[in-house]
Structures are given as C-alpha cells and as structure tokens.
Full PDB file with SEQRES, HELIX, SHEET, SSBOND, CRYST1, ORIGX, SCALE, CONECT and MASTER records, all heavy atoms in Angstrom:
SEQRES   1 A   40  ALA ALA GLU ARG ILE GLU ASN GLU GLY LYS GLY CYS VAL          
SEQRES   2 A   40  ILE VAL VAL ASN LYS TRP ASP THR VAL PRO ASP LYS ASP          
SEQRES   3 A   40  ASN LYS THR THR LEU LEU TYR GLU GLN GLU VAL ARG GLU          
SEQRES   4 A   40  LYS                                                          
HELIX    1 AA1 ALA A    2  ASN A    7  1                                   6    
HELIX    2 AA2 TRP A   19  THR A   21  5                                   3    
HELIX    3 AA3 ASN A   27  GLU A   39  1                                  13    
CRYST1    1.000    1.000    1.000  90.00  90.00  90.00 P 1           1          
ORIGX1      1.000000  0.000000  0.000000        0.00000                         
ORIGX2      0.000000  1.000000  0.000000        0.00000                         
ORIGX3      0.000000  0.000000  1.000000        0.00000                         
SCALE1      1.000000  0.000000  0.000000        0.00000                         
SCALE2      0.000000  1.000000  0.000000        0.00000                         
SCALE3      0.000000  0.000000  1.000000        0.00000                         
ATOM      1  N   ALA A   1       8.620  10.751   4.059  1.00  0.00           N  
ATOM      2  CA  ALA A   1       7.430  11.413   3.622  1.00  0.00           C  
ATOM      3  C   ALA A   1       6.260  10.910   4.369  1.00  0.00           C  
ATOM      4  O   ALA A   1       5.363  11.760   4.695  1.00  0.00           O  
ATOM      5  CB  ALA A   1       7.270  11.106   2.119  1.00  0.00           C  
ATOM      6  N   ALA A   2       6.154   9.666   4.680  1.00  0.00           N  
ATOM      7  CA  ALA A   2       5.074   9.110   5.483  1.00  0.00           C  
ATOM      8  C   ALA A   2       5.031   9.780   6.797  1.00  0.00           C  
ATOM      9  O   ALA A   2       3.980  10.127   7.258  1.00  0.00           O  
ATOM     10  CB  ALA A   2       5.147   7.624   5.609  1.00  0.00           C  
ATOM     11  N   GLU A   3       6.153   9.974   7.484  1.00  0.00           N  
ATOM     12  CA  GLU A   3       6.226  10.563   8.806  1.00  0.00           C  
ATOM     13  C   GLU A   3       5.802  12.059   8.728  1.00  0.00           C  
ATOM     14  O   GLU A   3       5.122  12.554   9.609  1.00  0.00           O  
ATOM     15  CB  GLU A   3       7.597  10.447   9.336  1.00  0.00           C  
ATOM     16  CG  GLU A   3       7.941   9.028   9.802  1.00  0.00           C  
ATOM     17  CD  GLU A   3       9.367   8.795  10.208  1.00  0.00           C  
ATOM     18  OE1 GLU A   3      10.207   9.619   9.881  1.00  0.00           O  
ATOM     19  OE2 GLU A   3       9.594   7.736  10.825  1.00  0.00           O  
ATOM     20  N   ARG A   4       6.133  12.687   7.681  1.00  0.00           N  
ATOM     21  CA  ARG A   4       5.784  14.040   7.454  1.00  0.00           C  
ATOM     22  C   ARG A   4       4.206  14.219   7.349  1.00  0.00           C  
ATOM     23  O   ARG A   4       3.678  15.056   7.875  1.00  0.00           O  
ATOM     24  CB  ARG A   4       6.491  14.677   6.292  1.00  0.00           C  
ATOM     25  CG  ARG A   4       6.185  16.140   6.085  1.00  0.00           C  
ATOM     26  CD  ARG A   4       7.061  16.712   4.970  1.00  0.00           C  
ATOM     27  NE  ARG A   4       6.665  18.098   4.778  1.00  0.00           N  
ATOM     28  CZ  ARG A   4       7.113  18.885   3.857  1.00  0.00           C  
ATOM     29  NH1 ARG A   4       7.994  18.423   2.986  1.00  0.00           N  
ATOM     30  NH2 ARG A   4       6.706  20.145   3.744  1.00  0.00           N  
ATOM     31  N   ILE A   5       3.676  13.338   6.520  1.00  0.00           N  
ATOM     32  CA  ILE A   5       2.213  13.331   6.366  1.00  0.00           C  
ATOM     33  C   ILE A   5       1.509  13.140   7.710  1.00  0.00           C  
ATOM     34  O   ILE A   5       0.596  13.879   8.085  1.00  0.00           O  
ATOM     35  CB  ILE A   5       1.778  12.199   5.405  1.00  0.00           C  
ATOM     36  CG1 ILE A   5       2.204  12.453   4.007  1.00  0.00           C  
ATOM     37  CG2 ILE A   5       0.265  11.921   5.449  1.00  0.00           C  
ATOM     38  CD1 ILE A   5       2.123  11.350   3.010  1.00  0.00           C  
ATOM     39  N   GLU A   6       2.042  12.190   8.537  1.00  0.00           N  
ATOM     40  CA  GLU A   6       1.514  11.917   9.871  1.00  0.00           C  
ATOM     41  C   GLU A   6       1.689  13.070  10.760  1.00  0.00           C  
ATOM     42  O   GLU A   6       0.721  13.560  11.416  1.00  0.00           O  
ATOM     43  CB  GLU A   6       2.146  10.689  10.442  1.00  0.00           C  
ATOM     44  CG  GLU A   6       1.724  10.398  11.817  1.00  0.00           C  
ATOM     45  CD  GLU A   6       0.236   9.983  11.971  1.00  0.00           C  
ATOM     46  OE1 GLU A   6      -0.451   9.571  11.023  1.00  0.00           O  
ATOM     47  OE2 GLU A   6      -0.252  10.063  13.154  1.00  0.00           O  
ATOM     48  N   ASN A   7       2.872  13.685  10.880  1.00  0.00           N  
ATOM     49  CA  ASN A   7       3.182  14.791  11.744  1.00  0.00           C  
ATOM     50  C   ASN A   7       2.393  16.034  11.442  1.00  0.00           C  
ATOM     51  O   ASN A   7       2.076  16.777  12.355  1.00  0.00           O  
ATOM     52  CB  ASN A   7       4.684  15.061  11.788  1.00  0.00           C  
ATOM     53  CG  ASN A   7       5.478  13.970  12.403  1.00  0.00           C  
ATOM     54  OD1 ASN A   7       5.020  13.159  13.195  1.00  0.00           O  
ATOM     55  ND2 ASN A   7       6.751  13.879  12.021  1.00  0.00           N  
ATOM     56  N   GLU A   8       2.179  16.220  10.139  1.00  0.00           N  
ATOM     57  CA  GLU A   8       1.406  17.470   9.746  1.00  0.00           C  
ATOM     58  C   GLU A   8      -0.090  17.279   9.739  1.00  0.00           C  
ATOM     59  O   GLU A   8      -0.818  18.108   9.361  1.00  0.00           O  
ATOM     60  CB  GLU A   8       1.908  17.959   8.425  1.00  0.00           C  
ATOM     61  CG  GLU A   8       3.447  18.441   8.513  1.00  0.00           C  
ATOM     62  CD  GLU A   8       3.891  19.005   7.224  1.00  0.00           C  
ATOM     63  OE1 GLU A   8       3.095  19.220   6.243  1.00  0.00           O  
ATOM     64  OE2 GLU A   8       5.082  19.240   7.078  1.00  0.00           O  
ATOM     65  N   GLY A   9      -0.524  15.993  10.076  1.00  0.00           N  
ATOM     66  CA  GLY A   9      -1.953  15.809  10.142  1.00  0.00           C  
ATOM     67  C   GLY A   9      -2.661  15.867   8.737  1.00  0.00           C  
ATOM     68  O   GLY A   9      -3.839  16.137   8.681  1.00  0.00           O  
ATOM     69  N   LYS A  10      -1.947  15.430   7.726  1.00  0.00           N  
ATOM     70  CA  LYS A  10      -2.498  15.443   6.359  1.00  0.00           C  
ATOM     71  C   LYS A  10      -3.313  14.226   6.035  1.00  0.00           C  
ATOM     72  O   LYS A  10      -3.085  13.171   6.682  1.00  0.00           O  
ATOM     73  CB  LYS A  10      -1.352  15.646   5.295  1.00  0.00           C  
ATOM     74  CG  LYS A  10      -0.504  16.806   5.469  1.00  0.00           C  
ATOM     75  CD  LYS A  10      -1.280  18.124   5.311  1.00  0.00           C  
ATOM     76  CE  LYS A  10      -0.327  19.330   5.414  1.00  0.00           C  
ATOM     77  NZ  LYS A  10      -1.091  20.566   5.339  1.00  0.00           N  
ATOM     78  N   GLY A  11      -4.221  14.312   5.112  1.00  0.00           N  
ATOM     79  CA  GLY A  11      -4.923  13.120   4.628  1.00  0.00           C  
ATOM     80  C   GLY A  11      -3.983  12.358   3.672  1.00  0.00           C  
ATOM     81  O   GLY A  11      -3.092  12.892   3.111  1.00  0.00           O  
ATOM     82  N   CYS A  12      -4.332  11.056   3.570  1.00  0.00           N  
ATOM     83  CA  CYS A  12      -3.510  10.237   2.659  1.00  0.00           C  
ATOM     84  C   CYS A  12      -4.300   9.019   2.229  1.00  0.00           C  
ATOM     85  O   CYS A  12      -5.040   8.419   2.975  1.00  0.00           O  
ATOM     86  CB  CYS A  12      -2.280   9.735   3.446  1.00  0.00           C  
ATOM     87  SG  CYS A  12      -1.133   8.751   2.479  1.00  0.00           S  
ATOM     88  N   VAL A  13      -4.137   8.761   0.959  1.00  0.00           N  
ATOM     89  CA  VAL A  13      -4.579   7.447   0.341  1.00  0.00           C  
ATOM     90  C   VAL A  13      -3.425   6.766  -0.307  1.00  0.00           C  
ATOM     91  O   VAL A  13      -2.702   7.472  -1.046  1.00  0.00           O  
ATOM     92  CB  VAL A  13      -5.687   7.700  -0.691  1.00  0.00           C  
ATOM     93  CG1 VAL A  13      -6.094   6.386  -1.339  1.00  0.00           C  
ATOM     94  CG2 VAL A  13      -6.888   8.314  -0.049  1.00  0.00           C  
ATOM     95  N   ILE A  14      -3.120   5.498   0.037  1.00  0.00           N  
ATOM     96  CA  ILE A  14      -2.006   4.822  -0.505  1.00  0.00           C  
ATOM     97  C   ILE A  14      -2.485   4.100  -1.801  1.00  0.00           C  
ATOM     98  O   ILE A  14      -3.405   3.310  -1.727  1.00  0.00           O  
ATOM     99  CB  ILE A  14      -1.432   3.829   0.433  1.00  0.00           C  
ATOM    100  CG1 ILE A  14      -0.924   4.571   1.699  1.00  0.00           C  
ATOM    101  CG2 ILE A  14      -0.276   3.012  -0.205  1.00  0.00           C  
ATOM    102  CD1 ILE A  14      -0.594   3.703   2.851  1.00  0.00           C  
ATOM    103  N   VAL A  15      -1.883   4.435  -2.939  1.00  0.00           N  
ATOM    104  CA  VAL A  15      -2.322   3.861  -4.246  1.00  0.00           C  
ATOM    105  C   VAL A  15      -1.238   2.931  -4.719  1.00  0.00           C  
ATOM    106  O   VAL A  15      -0.072   3.351  -4.894  1.00  0.00           O  
ATOM    107  CB  VAL A  15      -2.587   4.948  -5.258  1.00  0.00           C  
ATOM    108  CG1 VAL A  15      -2.974   4.293  -6.575  1.00  0.00           C  
ATOM    109  CG2 VAL A  15      -3.723   5.871  -4.742  1.00  0.00           C  
ATOM    110  N   VAL A  16      -1.574   1.686  -4.917  1.00  0.00           N  
ATOM    111  CA  VAL A  16      -0.664   0.669  -5.512  1.00  0.00           C  
ATOM    112  C   VAL A  16      -1.045   0.570  -6.942  1.00  0.00           C  
ATOM    113  O   VAL A  16      -2.111   0.019  -7.289  1.00  0.00           O  
ATOM    114  CB  VAL A  16      -0.711  -0.632  -4.798  1.00  0.00           C  
ATOM    115  CG1 VAL A  16       0.217  -1.680  -5.399  1.00  0.00           C  
ATOM    116  CG2 VAL A  16      -0.393  -0.464  -3.259  1.00  0.00           C  
ATOM    117  N   ASN A  17      -0.218   1.122  -7.852  1.00  0.00           N  
ATOM    118  CA  ASN A  17      -0.516   1.087  -9.296  1.00  0.00           C  
ATOM    119  C   ASN A  17       0.171  -0.115  -9.914  1.00  0.00           C  
ATOM    120  O   ASN A  17       0.879  -0.870  -9.315  1.00  0.00           O  
ATOM    121  CB  ASN A  17       0.001   2.361  -9.945  1.00  0.00           C  
ATOM    122  CG  ASN A  17      -0.543   2.543 -11.313  1.00  0.00           C  
ATOM    123  OD1 ASN A  17      -1.573   1.943 -11.677  1.00  0.00           O  
ATOM    124  ND2 ASN A  17       0.180   3.274 -12.150  1.00  0.00           N  
ATOM    125  N   LYS A  18      -0.146  -0.364 -11.168  1.00  0.00           N  
ATOM    126  CA  LYS A  18       0.333  -1.496 -11.891  1.00  0.00           C  
ATOM    127  C   LYS A  18      -0.171  -2.801 -11.369  1.00  0.00           C  
ATOM    128  O   LYS A  18       0.500  -3.849 -11.551  1.00  0.00           O  
ATOM    129  CB  LYS A  18       1.864  -1.512 -11.936  1.00  0.00           C  
ATOM    130  CG  LYS A  18       2.510  -0.269 -12.519  1.00  0.00           C  
ATOM    131  CD  LYS A  18       2.405  -0.210 -13.988  1.00  0.00           C  
ATOM    132  CE  LYS A  18       3.145   0.975 -14.573  1.00  0.00           C  
ATOM    133  NZ  LYS A  18       2.894   1.199 -15.855  1.00  0.00           N  
ATOM    134  N   TRP A  19      -1.251  -2.825 -10.679  1.00  0.00           N  
ATOM    135  CA  TRP A  19      -1.842  -4.035 -10.112  1.00  0.00           C  
ATOM    136  C   TRP A  19      -2.126  -5.064 -11.137  1.00  0.00           C  
ATOM    137  O   TRP A  19      -2.004  -6.262 -10.803  1.00  0.00           O  
ATOM    138  CB  TRP A  19      -3.055  -3.750  -9.234  1.00  0.00           C  
ATOM    139  CG  TRP A  19      -3.525  -4.777  -8.351  1.00  0.00           C  
ATOM    140  CD1 TRP A  19      -4.731  -5.412  -8.371  1.00  0.00           C  
ATOM    141  CD2 TRP A  19      -2.792  -5.316  -7.267  1.00  0.00           C  
ATOM    142  NE1 TRP A  19      -4.760  -6.387  -7.387  1.00  0.00           N  
ATOM    143  CE2 TRP A  19      -3.599  -6.324  -6.677  1.00  0.00           C  
ATOM    144  CE3 TRP A  19      -1.541  -5.198  -6.727  1.00  0.00           C  
ATOM    145  CZ2 TRP A  19      -3.237  -7.133  -5.662  1.00  0.00           C  
ATOM    146  CZ3 TRP A  19      -1.128  -5.909  -5.690  1.00  0.00           C  
ATOM    147  CH2 TRP A  19      -1.981  -6.900  -5.114  1.00  0.00           C  
ATOM    148  N   ASP A  20      -2.388  -4.706 -12.312  1.00  0.00           N  
ATOM    149  CA  ASP A  20      -2.646  -5.657 -13.464  1.00  0.00           C  
ATOM    150  C   ASP A  20      -1.379  -6.446 -13.827  1.00  0.00           C  
ATOM    151  O   ASP A  20      -1.500  -7.520 -14.458  1.00  0.00           O  
ATOM    152  CB  ASP A  20      -3.208  -4.947 -14.646  1.00  0.00           C  
ATOM    153  CG  ASP A  20      -2.206  -3.820 -15.194  1.00  0.00           C  
ATOM    154  OD1 ASP A  20      -1.649  -3.155 -14.318  1.00  0.00           O  
ATOM    155  OD2 ASP A  20      -2.112  -3.711 -16.421  1.00  0.00           O  
ATOM    156  N   THR A  21      -0.158  -6.014 -13.459  1.00  0.00           N  
ATOM    157  CA  THR A  21       1.001  -6.723 -13.743  1.00  0.00           C  
ATOM    158  C   THR A  21       1.379  -7.799 -12.737  1.00  0.00           C  
ATOM    159  O   THR A  21       2.352  -8.543 -13.041  1.00  0.00           O  
ATOM    160  CB  THR A  21       2.193  -5.762 -13.924  1.00  0.00           C  
ATOM    161  OG1 THR A  21       2.414  -5.154 -12.647  1.00  0.00           O  
ATOM    162  CG2 THR A  21       1.858  -4.688 -14.986  1.00  0.00           C  
ATOM    163  N   VAL A  22       0.630  -7.941 -11.674  1.00  0.00           N  
ATOM    164  CA  VAL A  22       0.958  -8.937 -10.716  1.00  0.00           C  
ATOM    165  C   VAL A  22       0.299 -10.227 -11.105  1.00  0.00           C  
ATOM    166  O   VAL A  22      -0.956 -10.274 -11.341  1.00  0.00           O  
ATOM    167  CB  VAL A  22       0.408  -8.532  -9.297  1.00  0.00           C  
ATOM    168  CG1 VAL A  22       0.657  -9.621  -8.278  1.00  0.00           C  
ATOM    169  CG2 VAL A  22       1.069  -7.227  -8.834  1.00  0.00           C  
ATOM    170  N   PRO A  23       1.088 -11.252 -11.369  1.00  0.00           N  
ATOM    171  CA  PRO A  23       0.458 -12.512 -11.938  1.00  0.00           C  
ATOM    172  C   PRO A  23      -0.196 -13.319 -10.842  1.00  0.00           C  
ATOM    173  O   PRO A  23       0.110 -13.267  -9.647  1.00  0.00           O  
ATOM    174  CB  PRO A  23       1.771 -13.276 -12.407  1.00  0.00           C  
ATOM    175  CG  PRO A  23       2.852 -12.803 -11.594  1.00  0.00           C  
ATOM    176  CD  PRO A  23       2.511 -11.351 -11.231  1.00  0.00           C  
ATOM    177  N   ASP A  24      -1.196 -14.082 -11.259  1.00  0.00           N  
ATOM    178  CA  ASP A  24      -1.937 -15.012 -10.423  1.00  0.00           C  
ATOM    179  C   ASP A  24      -2.415 -14.411  -9.045  1.00  0.00           C  
ATOM    180  O   ASP A  24      -2.158 -15.006  -8.022  1.00  0.00           O  
ATOM    181  CB  ASP A  24      -1.066 -16.249 -10.203  1.00  0.00           C  
ATOM    182  CG  ASP A  24      -0.667 -16.912 -11.452  1.00  0.00           C  
ATOM    183  OD1 ASP A  24      -1.488 -16.913 -12.369  1.00  0.00           O  
ATOM    184  OD2 ASP A  24       0.538 -17.267 -11.578  1.00  0.00           O  
ATOM    185  N   LYS A  25      -3.112 -13.292  -9.104  1.00  0.00           N  
ATOM    186  CA  LYS A  25      -3.541 -12.622  -7.898  1.00  0.00           C  
ATOM    187  C   LYS A  25      -4.719 -13.342  -7.336  1.00  0.00           C  
ATOM    188  O   LYS A  25      -5.535 -13.881  -8.076  1.00  0.00           O  
ATOM    189  CB  LYS A  25      -3.944 -11.238  -8.168  1.00  0.00           C  
ATOM    190  CG  LYS A  25      -2.844 -10.293  -8.633  1.00  0.00           C  
ATOM    191  CD  LYS A  25      -3.406  -8.850  -8.802  1.00  0.00           C  
ATOM    192  CE  LYS A  25      -4.373  -8.670  -9.939  1.00  0.00           C  
ATOM    193  NZ  LYS A  25      -3.832  -8.843 -11.282  1.00  0.00           N  
ATOM    194  N   ASP A  26      -4.835 -13.320  -6.049  1.00  0.00           N  
ATOM    195  CA  ASP A  26      -6.013 -13.733  -5.318  1.00  0.00           C  
ATOM    196  C   ASP A  26      -6.154 -12.929  -4.013  1.00  0.00           C  
ATOM    197  O   ASP A  26      -5.359 -12.000  -3.852  1.00  0.00           O  
ATOM    198  CB  ASP A  26      -6.024 -15.266  -5.049  1.00  0.00           C  
ATOM    199  CG  ASP A  26      -4.756 -15.688  -4.167  1.00  0.00           C  
ATOM    200  OD1 ASP A  26      -4.228 -14.864  -3.460  1.00  0.00           O  
ATOM    201  OD2 ASP A  26      -4.516 -16.891  -4.133  1.00  0.00           O  
ATOM    202  N   ASN A  27      -7.066 -13.314  -3.141  1.00  0.00           N  
ATOM    203  CA  ASN A  27      -7.272 -12.510  -1.891  1.00  0.00           C  
ATOM    204  C   ASN A  27      -5.999 -12.533  -1.083  1.00  0.00           C  
ATOM    205  O   ASN A  27      -5.678 -11.602  -0.356  1.00  0.00           O  
ATOM    206  CB  ASN A  27      -8.459 -13.005  -1.145  1.00  0.00           C  
ATOM    207  CG  ASN A  27      -9.682 -12.619  -1.804  1.00  0.00           C  
ATOM    208  OD1 ASN A  27      -9.802 -11.697  -2.648  1.00  0.00           O  
ATOM    209  ND2 ASN A  27     -10.804 -13.291  -1.517  1.00  0.00           N  
ATOM    210  N   LYS A  28      -5.295 -13.633  -1.060  1.00  0.00           N  
ATOM    211  CA  LYS A  28      -4.066 -13.827  -0.290  1.00  0.00           C  
ATOM    212  C   LYS A  28      -2.998 -12.808  -0.788  1.00  0.00           C  
ATOM    213  O   LYS A  28      -2.283 -12.279  -0.069  1.00  0.00           O  
ATOM    214  CB  LYS A  28      -3.636 -15.256  -0.323  1.00  0.00           C  
ATOM    215  CG  LYS A  28      -2.472 -15.575   0.707  1.00  0.00           C  
ATOM    216  CD  LYS A  28      -1.969 -16.958   0.585  1.00  0.00           C  
ATOM    217  CE  LYS A  28      -2.988 -17.919   1.166  1.00  0.00           C  
ATOM    218  NZ  LYS A  28      -2.472 -19.274   1.264  1.00  0.00           N  
ATOM    219  N   THR A  29      -2.937 -12.646  -2.078  1.00  0.00           N  
ATOM    220  CA  THR A  29      -1.940 -11.688  -2.707  1.00  0.00           C  
ATOM    221  C   THR A  29      -2.176 -10.317  -2.139  1.00  0.00           C  
ATOM    222  O   THR A  29      -1.243  -9.616  -1.744  1.00  0.00           O  
ATOM    223  CB  THR A  29      -2.047 -11.680  -4.193  1.00  0.00           C  
ATOM    224  OG1 THR A  29      -1.988 -13.062  -4.665  1.00  0.00           O  
ATOM    225  CG2 THR A  29      -0.950 -10.901  -4.900  1.00  0.00           C  
ATOM    226  N   THR A  30      -3.433  -9.905  -2.098  1.00  0.00           N  
ATOM    227  CA  THR A  30      -3.749  -8.572  -1.618  1.00  0.00           C  
ATOM    228  C   THR A  30      -3.315  -8.427  -0.205  1.00  0.00           C  
ATOM    229  O   THR A  30      -2.697  -7.402   0.197  1.00  0.00           O  
ATOM    230  CB  THR A  30      -5.215  -8.310  -1.739  1.00  0.00           C  
ATOM    231  OG1 THR A  30      -5.642  -8.462  -3.078  1.00  0.00           O  
ATOM    232  CG2 THR A  30      -5.617  -6.842  -1.328  1.00  0.00           C  
ATOM    233  N   LEU A  31      -3.566  -9.397   0.619  1.00  0.00           N  
ATOM    234  CA  LEU A  31      -3.188  -9.358   2.041  1.00  0.00           C  
ATOM    235  C   LEU A  31      -1.647  -9.283   2.202  1.00  0.00           C  
ATOM    236  O   LEU A  31      -1.147  -8.572   3.009  1.00  0.00           O  
ATOM    237  CB  LEU A  31      -3.696 -10.495   2.798  1.00  0.00           C  
ATOM    238  CG  LEU A  31      -5.248 -10.623   2.973  1.00  0.00           C  
ATOM    239  CD1 LEU A  31      -5.628 -11.917   3.525  1.00  0.00           C  
ATOM    240  CD2 LEU A  31      -5.719  -9.440   3.824  1.00  0.00           C  
ATOM    241  N   LEU A  32      -0.890 -10.029   1.430  1.00  0.00           N  
ATOM    242  CA  LEU A  32       0.483  -9.956   1.439  1.00  0.00           C  
ATOM    243  C   LEU A  32       1.067  -8.606   1.044  1.00  0.00           C  
ATOM    244  O   LEU A  32       1.984  -8.103   1.678  1.00  0.00           O  
ATOM    245  CB  LEU A  32       1.105 -11.123   0.526  1.00  0.00           C  
ATOM    246  CG  LEU A  32       0.913 -12.526   1.057  1.00  0.00           C  
ATOM    247  CD1 LEU A  32       1.424 -13.531   0.077  1.00  0.00           C  
ATOM    248  CD2 LEU A  32       1.628 -12.771   2.340  1.00  0.00           C  
ATOM    249  N   TYR A  33       0.487  -8.084  -0.021  1.00  0.00           N  
ATOM    250  CA  TYR A  33       0.959  -6.706  -0.414  1.00  0.00           C  
ATOM    251  C   TYR A  33       0.613  -5.691   0.642  1.00  0.00           C  
ATOM    252  O   TYR A  33       1.367  -4.813   0.936  1.00  0.00           O  
ATOM    253  CB  TYR A  33       0.295  -6.339  -1.775  1.00  0.00           C  
ATOM    254  CG  TYR A  33       1.144  -6.738  -2.944  1.00  0.00           C  
ATOM    255  CD1 TYR A  33       1.128  -8.046  -3.431  1.00  0.00           C  
ATOM    256  CD2 TYR A  33       1.903  -5.821  -3.657  1.00  0.00           C  
ATOM    257  CE1 TYR A  33       1.939  -8.416  -4.521  1.00  0.00           C  
ATOM    258  CE2 TYR A  33       2.698  -6.131  -4.719  1.00  0.00           C  
ATOM    259  CZ  TYR A  33       2.662  -7.469  -5.215  1.00  0.00           C  
ATOM    260  OH  TYR A  33       3.445  -7.806  -6.264  1.00  0.00           O  
ATOM    261  N   GLU A  34      -0.563  -5.770   1.244  1.00  0.00           N  
ATOM    262  CA  GLU A  34      -0.968  -4.819   2.237  1.00  0.00           C  
ATOM    263  C   GLU A  34       0.006  -4.934   3.443  1.00  0.00           C  
ATOM    264  O   GLU A  34       0.397  -3.981   3.998  1.00  0.00           O  
ATOM    265  CB  GLU A  34      -2.395  -5.060   2.663  1.00  0.00           C  
ATOM    266  CG  GLU A  34      -2.824  -4.108   3.765  1.00  0.00           C  
ATOM    267  CD  GLU A  34      -4.272  -4.059   4.065  1.00  0.00           C  
ATOM    268  OE1 GLU A  34      -5.105  -4.680   3.315  1.00  0.00           O  
ATOM    269  OE2 GLU A  34      -4.642  -3.360   5.028  1.00  0.00           O  
ATOM    270  N   GLN A  35       0.364  -6.161   3.877  1.00  0.00           N  
ATOM    271  CA  GLN A  35       1.288  -6.306   4.965  1.00  0.00           C  
ATOM    272  C   GLN A  35       2.611  -5.654   4.695  1.00  0.00           C  
ATOM    273  O   GLN A  35       3.185  -4.983   5.515  1.00  0.00           O  
ATOM    274  CB  GLN A  35       1.509  -7.785   5.276  1.00  0.00           C  
ATOM    275  CG  GLN A  35       0.404  -8.471   5.937  1.00  0.00           C  
ATOM    276  CD  GLN A  35       0.636 -10.002   6.107  1.00  0.00           C  
ATOM    277  OE1 GLN A  35       1.394 -10.638   5.398  1.00  0.00           O  
ATOM    278  NE2 GLN A  35      -0.007 -10.542   7.202  1.00  0.00           N  
ATOM    279  N   GLU A  36       3.083  -5.811   3.397  1.00  0.00           N  
ATOM    280  CA  GLU A  36       4.388  -5.186   3.039  1.00  0.00           C  
ATOM    281  C   GLU A  36       4.281  -3.721   3.057  1.00  0.00           C  
ATOM    282  O   GLU A  36       5.163  -3.009   3.581  1.00  0.00           O  
ATOM    283  CB  GLU A  36       4.799  -5.729   1.674  1.00  0.00           C  
ATOM    284  CG  GLU A  36       6.119  -5.229   1.277  1.00  0.00           C  
ATOM    285  CD  GLU A  36       6.650  -5.816  -0.037  1.00  0.00           C  
ATOM    286  OE1 GLU A  36       6.150  -6.853  -0.447  1.00  0.00           O  
ATOM    287  OE2 GLU A  36       7.462  -5.240  -0.677  1.00  0.00           O  
ATOM    288  N   VAL A  37       3.211  -3.152   2.454  1.00  0.00           N  
ATOM    289  CA  VAL A  37       3.004  -1.638   2.500  1.00  0.00           C  
ATOM    290  C   VAL A  37       2.901  -1.165   3.866  1.00  0.00           C  
ATOM    291  O   VAL A  37       3.520  -0.145   4.247  1.00  0.00           O  
ATOM    292  CB  VAL A  37       1.770  -1.331   1.601  1.00  0.00           C  
ATOM    293  CG1 VAL A  37       1.484   0.171   1.833  1.00  0.00           C  
ATOM    294  CG2 VAL A  37       2.037  -1.592   0.150  1.00  0.00           C  
ATOM    295  N   ARG A  38       2.059  -1.822   4.692  1.00  0.00           N  
ATOM    296  CA  ARG A  38       1.905  -1.380   6.149  1.00  0.00           C  
ATOM    297  C   ARG A  38       3.224  -1.434   6.922  1.00  0.00           C  
ATOM    298  O   ARG A  38       3.460  -0.543   7.704  1.00  0.00           O  
ATOM    299  CB  ARG A  38       0.863  -2.223   6.822  1.00  0.00           C  
ATOM    300  CG  ARG A  38      -0.532  -2.120   6.204  1.00  0.00           C  
ATOM    301  CD  ARG A  38      -1.204  -0.807   6.550  1.00  0.00           C  
ATOM    302  NE  ARG A  38      -2.500  -0.827   6.001  1.00  0.00           N  
ATOM    303  CZ  ARG A  38      -3.111   0.337   5.658  1.00  0.00           C  
ATOM    304  NH1 ARG A  38      -2.512   1.555   5.898  1.00  0.00           N  
ATOM    305  NH2 ARG A  38      -4.314   0.320   5.183  1.00  0.00           N  
ATOM    306  N   GLU A  39       4.020  -2.441   6.638  1.00  0.00           N  
ATOM    307  CA  GLU A  39       5.332  -2.477   7.272  1.00  0.00           C  
ATOM    308  C   GLU A  39       6.262  -1.347   6.881  1.00  0.00           C  
ATOM    309  O   GLU A  39       6.901  -0.766   7.746  1.00  0.00           O  
ATOM    310  CB  GLU A  39       5.990  -3.891   6.919  1.00  0.00           C  
ATOM    311  CG  GLU A  39       7.314  -4.049   7.622  1.00  0.00           C  
ATOM    312  CD  GLU A  39       7.860  -5.421   7.293  1.00  0.00           C  
ATOM    313  OE1 GLU A  39       7.140  -6.416   7.400  1.00  0.00           O  
ATOM    314  OE2 GLU A  39       9.092  -5.503   6.862  1.00  0.00           O  
ATOM    315  N   LYS A  40       6.314  -1.018   5.588  1.00  0.00           N  
ATOM    316  CA  LYS A  40       7.195   0.018   5.117  1.00  0.00           C  
ATOM    317  C   LYS A  40       6.634   1.424   5.511  1.00  0.00           C  
ATOM    318  O   LYS A  40       7.420   2.294   5.716  1.00  0.00           O  
ATOM    319  CB  LYS A  40       7.297  -0.029   3.581  1.00  0.00           C  
ATOM    320  CG  LYS A  40       8.106  -1.251   3.185  1.00  0.00           C  
ATOM    321  CD  LYS A  40       8.238  -1.325   1.655  1.00  0.00           C  
ATOM    322  CE  LYS A  40       9.065  -2.527   1.299  1.00  0.00           C  
ATOM    323  NZ  LYS A  40       9.245  -2.706  -0.177  1.00  0.00           N  
TER     324      LYS A  40                                                      
MASTER        0    0    0    3    0    0    0    6  323    1    0    4          
END                                                                             
C-alpha cells in the first residue's frame, strides 16, 4: 500500500494510534517508534 501511495503520487500522513497505551514514553520512545515505522 505504501508503494502504491508513492507510485501514484498521493498525499499521506502516517498516524500511530493508541499512543496512550505505550508505557513510560519519552522522547527516545518516539524516536524508536519512528525508526521502526520508517523502516517498514
């Protein structure tokens, strides 16, 4: 689906929901999640 969005030149915002369920979040947590999302 990500490749299709890119190939068709569509706009996209990636939304990570349920952020309130992640325990003990800090700025490092956000960076780790972003790395994982960017990798996938």
